[in-house]
């Protein structure tokens, strides 16, 4: 059963999968991006500006995803190393089960999957030694969606049914 009100929505993998099966994944994504201390309203607003195509949630190897936030100088958004290390370590310590963590949200960019929400979670997964994570992928063009979906299917990485 898919929850009907924001008050009953859980931000975990099973709930995201339930919304996806009901054809309501984008609704879950916007509810997630607008809720809690993790809210990313600008990303939600940006996603709403044009039509998007979605895949997921999918369990993917961490190596398939590229973070855009972190202490490395080559990141799109560079953060202070000490605060990042402490925050990601604290987050990792609180993670006990992968399915209880909200899926990362990644943008398909010319064959790469750029993490646009969940960079801290991604780093925490690495600290935990986890090799996979759950992710939702968005596409800005139907052609990219179709081509990448075929690629995912060919690799055996299909959306949860």
N, C-alpha and C. Protein backbone atom coordinates (compact mmCIF):
# COMPACT_ATOMS: atom_id res chain seq x y z
N UNK A 1 0.84 -1.19 0.00
CA UNK A 1 0.00 0.00 0.00
C UNK A 1 0.88 1.25 0.00
N UNK A 2 0.51 2.23 -0.78
CA UNK A 2 1.25 3.48 -0.88
C UNK A 2 0.59 4.51 0.02
N UNK A 3 1.36 5.16 0.90
CA UNK A 3 0.78 6.19 1.76
C UNK A 3 0.17 7.31 0.92
N UNK A 4 -0.87 7.95 1.44
CA UNK A 4 -1.59 8.99 0.71
C UNK A 4 -1.27 10.40 1.18
N UNK A 5 -0.72 10.55 2.36
CA UNK A 5 -0.47 11.90 2.87
C UNK A 5 0.99 12.05 3.25
N UNK A 6 1.53 13.27 3.15
CA UNK A 6 2.93 13.49 3.52
C UNK A 6 3.25 13.06 4.94
N UNK A 7 2.27 13.14 5.85
CA UNK A 7 2.51 12.78 7.24
C UNK A 7 2.84 11.30 7.39
N UNK A 8 2.40 10.48 6.45
CA UNK A 8 2.62 9.04 6.57
C UNK A 8 3.71 8.52 5.64
N UNK A 9 4.36 9.39 4.92
CA UNK A 9 5.40 8.95 3.99
C UNK A 9 6.69 8.69 4.76
N UNK A 10 7.28 7.52 4.50
CA UNK A 10 8.58 7.19 5.07
C UNK A 10 9.62 7.41 3.98
N UNK A 11 10.76 7.89 4.38
CA UNK A 11 11.82 8.18 3.42
C UNK A 11 12.88 7.09 3.51
N UNK A 12 12.50 5.92 2.99
CA UNK A 12 13.38 4.76 2.96
C UNK A 12 13.19 4.05 1.62
N UNK A 13 13.98 3.03 1.39
CA UNK A 13 13.93 2.32 0.10
C UNK A 13 12.59 1.62 -0.13
N UNK A 14 12.06 0.86 0.84
CA UNK A 14 10.78 0.18 0.57
C UNK A 14 9.65 1.15 0.20
N UNK A 15 9.59 2.30 0.85
CA UNK A 15 8.53 3.26 0.53
C UNK A 15 8.75 3.88 -0.85
N UNK A 16 10.00 4.22 -1.17
CA UNK A 16 10.29 4.74 -2.51
C UNK A 16 9.92 3.71 -3.57
N UNK A 17 10.19 2.44 -3.31
CA UNK A 17 9.82 1.37 -4.25
C UNK A 17 8.31 1.27 -4.40
N UNK A 18 7.58 1.41 -3.29
CA UNK A 18 6.12 1.35 -3.35
C UNK A 18 5.57 2.49 -4.20
N UNK A 19 6.11 3.68 -4.02
CA UNK A 19 5.68 4.81 -4.84
C UNK A 19 6.02 4.58 -6.31
N UNK A 20 7.20 4.01 -6.58
CA UNK A 20 7.59 3.73 -7.97
C UNK A 20 6.63 2.73 -8.61
N UNK A 21 6.29 1.67 -7.88
CA UNK A 21 5.36 0.67 -8.42
C UNK A 21 4.00 1.28 -8.70
N UNK A 22 3.61 2.29 -7.92
CA UNK A 22 2.31 2.95 -8.10
C UNK A 22 2.37 4.07 -9.14
N UNK A 23 3.54 4.26 -9.78
CA UNK A 23 3.68 5.33 -10.77
C UNK A 23 3.75 6.71 -10.14
N UNK A 24 4.18 6.77 -8.87
CA UNK A 24 4.20 8.03 -8.13
C UNK A 24 5.59 8.36 -7.58
N UNK A 25 6.64 7.88 -8.24
CA UNK A 25 7.99 8.09 -7.74
C UNK A 25 8.33 9.57 -7.63
N UNK A 26 7.96 10.35 -8.63
CA UNK A 26 8.30 11.78 -8.59
C UNK A 26 7.63 12.47 -7.40
N UNK A 27 6.44 12.04 -7.05
CA UNK A 27 5.76 12.57 -5.86
C UNK A 27 6.58 12.29 -4.60
N UNK A 28 7.09 11.06 -4.47
CA UNK A 28 7.92 10.69 -3.32
C UNK A 28 9.19 11.55 -3.29
N UNK A 29 9.81 11.73 -4.46
CA UNK A 29 11.06 12.50 -4.54
C UNK A 29 10.84 13.92 -4.03
N UNK A 30 9.79 14.58 -4.50
CA UNK A 30 9.54 15.96 -4.07
C UNK A 30 9.16 16.02 -2.59
N UNK A 31 8.40 15.05 -2.10
CA UNK A 31 8.08 15.02 -0.67
C UNK A 31 9.37 14.87 0.14
N UNK A 32 10.25 13.99 -0.29
CA UNK A 32 11.53 13.78 0.40
C UNK A 32 12.38 15.05 0.37
N UNK A 33 12.51 15.66 -0.78
CA UNK A 33 13.38 16.84 -0.91
C UNK A 33 12.83 18.06 -0.17
N UNK A 34 11.59 18.03 0.24
CA UNK A 34 10.99 19.17 0.94
C UNK A 34 10.76 18.90 2.42
N UNK A 35 11.18 17.76 2.93
CA UNK A 35 10.90 17.38 4.32
C UNK A 35 12.18 17.32 5.16
N UNK A 36 12.00 17.41 6.45
CA UNK A 36 13.08 17.14 7.40
C UNK A 36 14.25 18.10 7.36
N UNK A 37 15.22 17.80 8.22
CA UNK A 37 16.41 18.64 8.32
C UNK A 37 17.30 18.52 7.08
N UNK A 38 17.07 17.51 6.27
CA UNK A 38 17.85 17.28 5.06
C UNK A 38 17.27 17.99 3.84
N UNK A 39 16.20 18.73 4.01
CA UNK A 39 15.46 19.32 2.89
C UNK A 39 16.41 19.99 1.88
N UNK A 40 16.08 19.79 0.61
CA UNK A 40 16.81 20.41 -0.49
C UNK A 40 15.77 20.99 -1.45
N UNK A 41 15.11 22.03 -0.96
CA UNK A 41 14.03 22.65 -1.73
C UNK A 41 14.52 23.18 -3.08
N UNK A 42 15.70 23.80 -3.16
CA UNK A 42 16.15 24.26 -4.49
C UNK A 42 16.26 23.12 -5.51
N UNK A 43 16.69 21.93 -5.09
CA UNK A 43 16.75 20.81 -6.03
C UNK A 43 15.35 20.41 -6.46
N UNK A 44 14.43 20.34 -5.51
CA UNK A 44 13.04 20.01 -5.84
C UNK A 44 12.48 21.02 -6.85
N UNK A 45 12.71 22.30 -6.60
CA UNK A 45 12.21 23.34 -7.51
C UNK A 45 12.85 23.21 -8.89
N UNK A 46 14.15 22.94 -8.93
CA UNK A 46 14.84 22.78 -10.20
C UNK A 46 14.31 21.59 -10.99
N UNK A 47 14.07 20.48 -10.30
CA UNK A 47 13.54 19.30 -10.97
C UNK A 47 12.15 19.55 -11.54
N UNK A 48 11.39 20.41 -10.88
CA UNK A 48 10.01 20.68 -11.31
C UNK A 48 9.94 21.62 -12.52
N UNK A 49 11.04 22.20 -12.91
CA UNK A 49 11.03 23.18 -14.01
C UNK A 49 10.79 22.57 -15.39
N UNK A 50 11.08 21.28 -15.52
CA UNK A 50 10.89 20.64 -16.83
C UNK A 50 10.56 19.17 -16.61
N UNK A 51 10.13 18.53 -17.65
CA UNK A 51 9.82 17.11 -17.57
C UNK A 51 11.10 16.32 -17.34
N UNK A 52 11.01 15.31 -16.48
CA UNK A 52 12.13 14.41 -16.21
C UNK A 52 11.65 12.97 -16.44
N UNK A 53 12.60 12.10 -16.67
CA UNK A 53 12.35 10.67 -16.76
C UNK A 53 13.13 10.03 -15.63
N UNK A 54 12.59 8.97 -15.04
CA UNK A 54 13.15 8.40 -13.82
C UNK A 54 13.39 6.90 -13.94
N UNK A 55 14.43 6.43 -13.30
CA UNK A 55 14.69 5.01 -13.11
C UNK A 55 14.96 4.78 -11.63
N UNK A 56 14.38 3.73 -11.10
CA UNK A 56 14.70 3.38 -9.74
C UNK A 56 13.47 3.24 -8.87
N UNK A 57 13.76 3.01 -7.62
CA UNK A 57 15.08 2.83 -7.02
C UNK A 57 15.79 1.57 -7.53
N UNK A 58 17.09 1.71 -7.69
CA UNK A 58 17.96 0.63 -8.17
C UNK A 58 19.09 0.43 -7.16
N UNK A 59 19.47 -0.82 -6.92
CA UNK A 59 20.66 -1.07 -6.11
C UNK A 59 21.85 -1.09 -7.06
N UNK A 60 22.76 -0.16 -6.85
CA UNK A 60 23.91 0.02 -7.74
C UNK A 60 25.21 -0.08 -6.97
N UNK A 61 26.28 -0.54 -7.61
CA UNK A 61 27.60 -0.46 -6.98
C UNK A 61 27.96 1.01 -6.75
N UNK A 62 28.57 1.29 -5.61
CA UNK A 62 28.97 2.67 -5.32
C UNK A 62 29.87 3.23 -6.41
N UNK A 63 30.68 2.38 -7.01
CA UNK A 63 31.60 2.84 -8.06
C UNK A 63 30.90 3.33 -9.32
N UNK A 64 29.60 3.06 -9.45
CA UNK A 64 28.83 3.54 -10.61
C UNK A 64 28.40 5.00 -10.45
N UNK A 65 28.58 5.55 -9.26
CA UNK A 65 28.10 6.90 -8.96
C UNK A 65 29.26 7.84 -8.71
N UNK A 66 29.07 9.10 -9.09
CA UNK A 66 30.11 10.12 -8.92
C UNK A 66 29.61 11.21 -7.98
N UNK A 67 30.27 11.39 -6.83
CA UNK A 67 29.84 12.47 -5.93
C UNK A 67 30.21 13.83 -6.50
N UNK A 68 29.45 14.84 -6.10
CA UNK A 68 29.76 16.22 -6.54
C UNK A 68 30.08 17.12 -5.34
N UNK A 69 29.96 16.57 -4.13
CA UNK A 69 30.25 17.32 -2.90
C UNK A 69 31.26 16.52 -2.09
N UNK A 70 32.25 17.22 -1.53
CA UNK A 70 33.23 16.57 -0.68
C UNK A 70 34.44 17.46 -0.48
N UNK A 71 35.42 16.98 0.28
CA UNK A 71 36.59 17.81 0.59
C UNK A 71 37.65 17.84 -0.51
N UNK A 72 37.55 16.98 -1.50
CA UNK A 72 38.54 16.94 -2.57
C UNK A 72 38.43 18.20 -3.44
N UNK A 73 39.57 18.80 -3.81
CA UNK A 73 39.53 20.03 -4.61
C UNK A 73 38.91 19.87 -6.00
N UNK A 74 38.78 18.63 -6.48
CA UNK A 74 38.19 18.42 -7.80
C UNK A 74 36.66 18.28 -7.76
N UNK A 75 36.08 18.41 -6.57
CA UNK A 75 34.62 18.32 -6.45
C UNK A 75 33.95 19.58 -6.99
N UNK A 76 32.75 19.42 -7.48
CA UNK A 76 31.96 20.56 -7.94
C UNK A 76 31.67 21.51 -6.78
N UNK A 77 31.38 20.93 -5.61
CA UNK A 77 31.12 21.70 -4.39
C UNK A 77 32.09 21.21 -3.32
N UNK A 78 33.11 22.01 -3.04
CA UNK A 78 34.15 21.63 -2.08
C UNK A 78 33.73 22.08 -0.68
N UNK A 79 33.88 21.16 0.28
CA UNK A 79 33.55 21.46 1.68
C UNK A 79 34.80 21.29 2.53
N UNK A 80 34.76 21.85 3.72
CA UNK A 80 35.87 21.82 4.66
C UNK A 80 36.11 20.38 5.13
N UNK A 81 37.36 19.88 5.03
CA UNK A 81 37.65 18.47 5.30
C UNK A 81 37.29 17.98 6.71
N UNK A 82 37.62 18.75 7.74
CA UNK A 82 37.39 18.28 9.11
C UNK A 82 35.90 18.13 9.41
N UNK A 83 35.12 19.12 9.05
CA UNK A 83 33.68 19.04 9.28
C UNK A 83 33.05 17.91 8.49
N UNK A 84 33.51 17.72 7.26
CA UNK A 84 33.01 16.64 6.41
C UNK A 84 33.31 15.28 7.04
N UNK A 85 34.54 15.09 7.49
CA UNK A 85 34.95 13.81 8.07
C UNK A 85 34.12 13.49 9.31
N UNK A 86 33.92 14.49 10.16
CA UNK A 86 33.13 14.27 11.38
C UNK A 86 31.67 13.97 11.04
N UNK A 87 31.11 14.74 10.14
CA UNK A 87 29.70 14.57 9.78
C UNK A 87 29.45 13.20 9.13
N UNK A 88 30.30 12.81 8.20
CA UNK A 88 30.10 11.53 7.52
C UNK A 88 30.34 10.36 8.47
N UNK A 89 31.30 10.48 9.39
CA UNK A 89 31.55 9.42 10.37
C UNK A 89 30.36 9.27 11.31
N UNK A 90 29.80 10.39 11.77
CA UNK A 90 28.61 10.34 12.62
C UNK A 90 27.45 9.69 11.88
N UNK A 91 27.28 10.06 10.62
CA UNK A 91 26.19 9.50 9.83
C UNK A 91 26.40 7.99 9.66
N UNK A 92 27.61 7.57 9.33
CA UNK A 92 27.90 6.15 9.15
C UNK A 92 27.61 5.36 10.42
N UNK A 93 27.95 5.94 11.56
CA UNK A 93 27.71 5.25 12.84
C UNK A 93 26.22 5.01 13.08
N UNK A 94 25.38 5.87 12.53
CA UNK A 94 23.94 5.73 12.71
C UNK A 94 23.27 4.79 11.73
N UNK A 95 23.97 4.40 10.68
CA UNK A 95 23.39 3.50 9.67
C UNK A 95 23.53 2.05 10.12
N UNK A 96 22.42 1.33 10.11
CA UNK A 96 22.46 -0.09 10.45
C UNK A 96 21.97 -0.97 9.31
N UNK A 97 21.12 -0.43 8.46
CA UNK A 97 20.53 -1.22 7.38
C UNK A 97 20.38 -0.34 6.15
N UNK A 98 20.87 -0.82 5.03
CA UNK A 98 20.84 -0.04 3.79
C UNK A 98 19.43 0.32 3.36
N UNK A 99 18.47 -0.58 3.55
CA UNK A 99 17.10 -0.32 3.12
C UNK A 99 16.42 0.79 3.92
N UNK A 100 16.96 1.11 5.09
CA UNK A 100 16.36 2.15 5.93
C UNK A 100 16.82 3.56 5.54
N UNK A 101 17.79 3.64 4.65
CA UNK A 101 18.37 4.92 4.24
C UNK A 101 17.69 5.38 2.95
N UNK A 102 17.35 6.67 2.84
CA UNK A 102 16.75 7.15 1.58
C UNK A 102 17.68 6.90 0.40
N UNK A 103 17.11 6.53 -0.75
CA UNK A 103 17.95 6.35 -1.94
C UNK A 103 18.65 7.67 -2.32
N UNK A 104 19.84 7.55 -2.86
CA UNK A 104 20.52 8.71 -3.42
C UNK A 104 19.75 9.15 -4.66
N UNK A 105 19.89 10.41 -5.02
CA UNK A 105 19.26 10.91 -6.24
C UNK A 105 20.38 11.38 -7.16
N UNK A 106 20.46 10.76 -8.34
CA UNK A 106 21.55 11.04 -9.27
C UNK A 106 21.01 11.50 -10.61
N UNK A 107 21.77 12.37 -11.24
CA UNK A 107 21.43 12.85 -12.58
C UNK A 107 22.30 12.11 -13.60
N UNK A 108 21.66 11.64 -14.66
CA UNK A 108 22.39 11.03 -15.77
C UNK A 108 22.99 12.16 -16.60
N UNK A 109 24.32 12.16 -16.72
CA UNK A 109 25.04 13.20 -17.47
C UNK A 109 26.02 12.55 -18.43
N UNK A 110 25.62 12.41 -19.67
CA UNK A 110 26.50 11.88 -20.72
C UNK A 110 27.19 10.59 -20.30
N UNK A 111 26.42 9.66 -19.78
CA UNK A 111 26.95 8.36 -19.41
C UNK A 111 27.39 8.22 -17.98
N UNK A 112 27.46 9.32 -17.24
CA UNK A 112 27.86 9.28 -15.83
C UNK A 112 26.65 9.55 -14.95
N UNK A 113 26.71 9.04 -13.72
CA UNK A 113 25.65 9.27 -12.74
C UNK A 113 26.19 10.18 -11.65
N UNK A 114 25.79 11.44 -11.70
CA UNK A 114 26.26 12.46 -10.76
C UNK A 114 25.29 12.56 -9.59
N UNK A 115 25.78 12.30 -8.38
CA UNK A 115 24.93 12.37 -7.19
C UNK A 115 24.56 13.82 -6.94
N UNK A 116 23.26 14.11 -6.95
CA UNK A 116 22.79 15.48 -6.72
C UNK A 116 22.15 15.62 -5.35
N UNK A 117 21.73 14.52 -4.75
CA UNK A 117 21.27 14.51 -3.36
C UNK A 117 21.75 13.21 -2.73
N UNK A 118 22.50 13.33 -1.65
CA UNK A 118 22.97 12.15 -0.95
C UNK A 118 24.47 11.98 -0.95
N UNK A 119 25.22 13.03 -1.24
CA UNK A 119 26.67 12.92 -1.24
C UNK A 119 27.23 12.54 0.12
N UNK A 120 26.64 13.06 1.18
CA UNK A 120 27.08 12.72 2.53
C UNK A 120 26.76 11.26 2.84
N UNK A 121 25.56 10.81 2.45
CA UNK A 121 25.21 9.40 2.65
C UNK A 121 26.18 8.50 1.88
N UNK A 122 26.49 8.89 0.66
CA UNK A 122 27.44 8.13 -0.17
C UNK A 122 28.78 7.98 0.57
N UNK A 123 29.30 9.07 1.11
CA UNK A 123 30.57 9.00 1.85
C UNK A 123 30.43 8.12 3.09
N UNK A 124 29.29 8.19 3.76
CA UNK A 124 29.05 7.35 4.94
C UNK A 124 29.00 5.87 4.54
N UNK A 125 28.41 5.56 3.40
CA UNK A 125 28.38 4.18 2.91
C UNK A 125 29.81 3.66 2.73
N UNK A 126 30.67 4.50 2.17
CA UNK A 126 32.07 4.12 1.97
C UNK A 126 32.74 3.83 3.32
N UNK A 127 32.48 4.69 4.31
CA UNK A 127 33.04 4.49 5.65
C UNK A 127 32.57 3.16 6.22
N UNK A 128 31.30 2.82 6.01
CA UNK A 128 30.74 1.56 6.52
C UNK A 128 31.32 0.35 5.81
N UNK A 129 31.93 0.56 4.65
CA UNK A 129 32.44 -0.55 3.87
C UNK A 129 31.39 -1.18 2.98
N UNK A 130 30.23 -0.52 2.85
CA UNK A 130 29.18 -1.02 1.97
C UNK A 130 29.64 -0.82 0.53
N UNK A 131 29.31 -1.76 -0.33
CA UNK A 131 29.74 -1.70 -1.73
C UNK A 131 28.64 -1.25 -2.67
N UNK A 132 27.40 -1.26 -2.19
CA UNK A 132 26.27 -0.85 -3.02
C UNK A 132 25.42 0.16 -2.27
N UNK A 133 24.53 0.80 -3.01
CA UNK A 133 23.55 1.69 -2.41
C UNK A 133 22.32 1.68 -3.31
N UNK A 134 21.25 2.23 -2.80
CA UNK A 134 20.04 2.40 -3.59
C UNK A 134 20.04 3.81 -4.14
N UNK A 135 19.65 3.93 -5.39
CA UNK A 135 19.65 5.25 -6.04
C UNK A 135 18.46 5.38 -6.98
N UNK A 136 18.06 6.61 -7.16
CA UNK A 136 17.06 7.00 -8.15
C UNK A 136 17.79 7.87 -9.17
N UNK A 137 17.60 7.58 -10.44
CA UNK A 137 18.29 8.32 -11.50
C UNK A 137 17.28 9.15 -12.27
N UNK A 138 17.64 10.41 -12.51
CA UNK A 138 16.78 11.22 -13.39
C UNK A 138 17.51 11.53 -14.68
N UNK A 139 16.69 11.70 -15.72
CA UNK A 139 17.18 11.98 -17.07
C UNK A 139 16.49 13.24 -17.56
N UNK A 140 17.22 14.07 -18.26
CA UNK A 140 16.67 15.31 -18.79
C UNK A 140 16.13 15.15 -20.21
N UNK A 141 16.37 14.01 -20.82
CA UNK A 141 15.90 13.75 -22.19
C UNK A 141 15.43 12.31 -22.29
N UNK A 142 14.34 12.12 -23.01
CA UNK A 142 13.79 10.78 -23.17
C UNK A 142 14.78 9.84 -23.86
N UNK A 143 15.56 10.36 -24.81
CA UNK A 143 16.54 9.52 -25.51
C UNK A 143 17.57 8.96 -24.53
N UNK A 144 18.04 9.79 -23.60
CA UNK A 144 18.99 9.33 -22.58
C UNK A 144 18.35 8.26 -21.70
N UNK A 145 17.10 8.52 -21.30
CA UNK A 145 16.37 7.56 -20.47
C UNK A 145 16.28 6.21 -21.17
N UNK A 146 15.87 6.21 -22.42
CA UNK A 146 15.69 4.94 -23.15
C UNK A 146 17.03 4.21 -23.34
N UNK A 147 18.06 4.94 -23.72
CA UNK A 147 19.37 4.32 -23.95
C UNK A 147 19.95 3.76 -22.65
N UNK A 148 19.87 4.53 -21.57
CA UNK A 148 20.44 4.07 -20.31
C UNK A 148 19.61 2.95 -19.70
N UNK A 149 18.29 3.00 -19.86
CA UNK A 149 17.44 1.92 -19.37
C UNK A 149 17.81 0.61 -20.07
N UNK A 150 18.05 0.66 -21.37
CA UNK A 150 18.47 -0.54 -22.11
C UNK A 150 19.82 -1.04 -21.59
N UNK A 151 20.71 -0.12 -21.29
CA UNK A 151 22.02 -0.49 -20.76
C UNK A 151 21.87 -1.15 -19.39
N UNK A 152 21.04 -0.55 -18.52
CA UNK A 152 20.80 -1.13 -17.20
C UNK A 152 20.20 -2.52 -17.31
N UNK A 153 19.23 -2.67 -18.21
CA UNK A 153 18.59 -3.98 -18.40
C UNK A 153 19.61 -5.00 -18.88
N UNK A 154 20.49 -4.59 -19.77
CA UNK A 154 21.52 -5.49 -20.28
C UNK A 154 22.50 -5.93 -19.22
N UNK A 155 22.67 -5.11 -18.20
CA UNK A 155 23.57 -5.43 -17.08
C UNK A 155 22.85 -6.14 -15.95
N UNK A 156 21.55 -6.33 -16.09
CA UNK A 156 20.77 -6.96 -15.02
C UNK A 156 20.41 -6.02 -13.89
N UNK A 157 20.54 -4.73 -14.11
CA UNK A 157 20.21 -3.74 -13.08
C UNK A 157 18.87 -3.10 -13.44
N UNK A 158 17.80 -3.71 -13.01
CA UNK A 158 16.46 -3.22 -13.34
C UNK A 158 15.80 -2.61 -12.12
N UNK A 159 14.84 -1.74 -12.37
CA UNK A 159 14.07 -1.15 -11.28
C UNK A 159 13.32 -2.24 -10.53
N UNK A 160 13.08 -2.00 -9.25
CA UNK A 160 12.35 -2.94 -8.40
C UNK A 160 10.93 -3.07 -8.90
N UNK A 161 10.46 -4.29 -9.04
CA UNK A 161 9.08 -4.54 -9.48
C UNK A 161 8.16 -4.67 -8.28
